[in-house]
Amino acid sequence: MEMKDKEAQTSGTYVESLDLEARGVAKQDGKVIFIDGALPGETVQYSSYRKKPSYEFAQLTEIKRSSSVRIAPRCPHFGVCGGCSMQHLDPVAQLAVKQRVLEDNLWHIAKVKPDMMLRPIQGPDWRYRYRARLSVRYVAKKGGVLVGFHEKKSSYVADMRECHVLPKAISDLLLPLRSLVESLSIRERLPQIEYAQGQFVTVMVLRVLEAPSTQDQALLRQFAEQHQVQFWLQPQGPDSAVPFWPVNAPELSYALGEFGLHMPFKPTDFTQVNHQINQSLVSYALRLLQVQSIDRVLDLFCGLGNFTLPLATQARQVHGIEGSETLVQRALDNAQRNGLNNASFAARNLFEITPEEMSSWGAFDRVLIDPPREGALAVAQALASEQVPRPKRLVYVSCNPATLARDAAVLTHEGGWKLSAAGVVNMFPHTSHVESIAVFDA
């Protein structure tokens, strides 16, 4: 890197806004400067580490005038660990930033404004992450094994000794896990530990590129019993994960208490990481959908039935569609275990759905859409088509405001739907991740 790319600015620069990666956005000599660690309203000095003709990336070097919403980060690893990007920003201000991101995407991409902005759905700011994938690396230069998230903008694993977004029981295991992996013969063949914490149990899935030795197995059993966790071993893809110890352990599950539902799941299944927010989100989505007891409801990207089964407690009939055969089977099992016989499920590739196929499912009164980050473009195009019977209302739950806006453009401009309401869901406090919900009326 050339020295001129590191030279610090001698005069203060005013930071105008925050981008989606929680970088301060400023303008200097006709260029846009993205400044790590800077906040809107601040006057700062910075050092550029990457320069392009129209923009630069820079690191904050000095705050000349601090923002009123700047706070001290709670975690000592903030700034190095890439798990969080907003701990230096007041949580209320974080929500305001995320709402602005949603509004800006809807306007700049879709050219639509919701009739009403919904109040943000909030939950605990800390200890909320009930599942995560932790990287594992044996690094002799750093004294042995590291277990944690990647460093910011790096493939290196952060030297984490605590984490305040993980449940305390998981944070407290970071150092014991390092010692455990250090003691294994396969310590250089174990690149990942994925954990999932349910209502009653915690499962840790070890990605093993080589089978553990007899001595390794004894150490794993001892650790599991001492720390009251379950170990699963995953030799290949997620579907290869199998229980190791204890053999006959209780299953993972979460509750949707408002609907009297018990939701078992496997540790590698997709589930929301924030259990408290998930419960609030399900309740809110159903209220927004305004389901009646005579309604037939379609739930697209239904997963293991997170929305489908609550919908089945209120509607006449619910049909869930999901791309994964494994999750469809899990949803069927969960419906049976919860005594719901008015929920049906099918596996379909919703990224390639056509108006003809969607119309073959018949008419629905309400539709809920909860896609992955790629969004639901083919679904939006089908719903906008005259071939598909028009439901009264759509509720779209999104984890990517850009693809939500893209799909909203199709629904509103091509399909004639009205964007009645939209709002943010603070699923991942202290990160730049924006979860949102939108309501469309025919």
Foldseek 3Di string as FASTA:
>chain_A
DDPQQFDKDPFWWAFAAADLQRFTWTDDPQAIETEQPAHHGWTFMWGFDADDPRYTYTYTDGTPGHDPQFDDQPFPCPPWFPQFRFSRGHLVVLQVRLFVVLQCLLCPPQVADAQAADDAADDDQWQFFQKDKWWWAADVVVPGIFTGGHTHPDPHHDRQQADTRHHRLVRPCRVVVRVLLRPFPQSHQWTIWIWGAAPPAIEIETAGCDDTDPVNLVSVQVVCVVSVHWYWYANDDPVRTDTRPPNPDDFGWYDLVVQPFIATDHRSFDDQRGRVLLSVVLVVLCVLQVAAQAFEEEEEQCFLNSNPLSVLSGYVAYEYEHQDPVRQVNNVVRCVVSVRPRYYYDHDDQQPDALVVQQVVPDGQEYEYEDAQQARQRVLQSQLDPSHHHHFKYKYKHFHSNNVSNSVSSCCVRRVKHFHYKYWYPSDNSGSTTIMMTMTGD
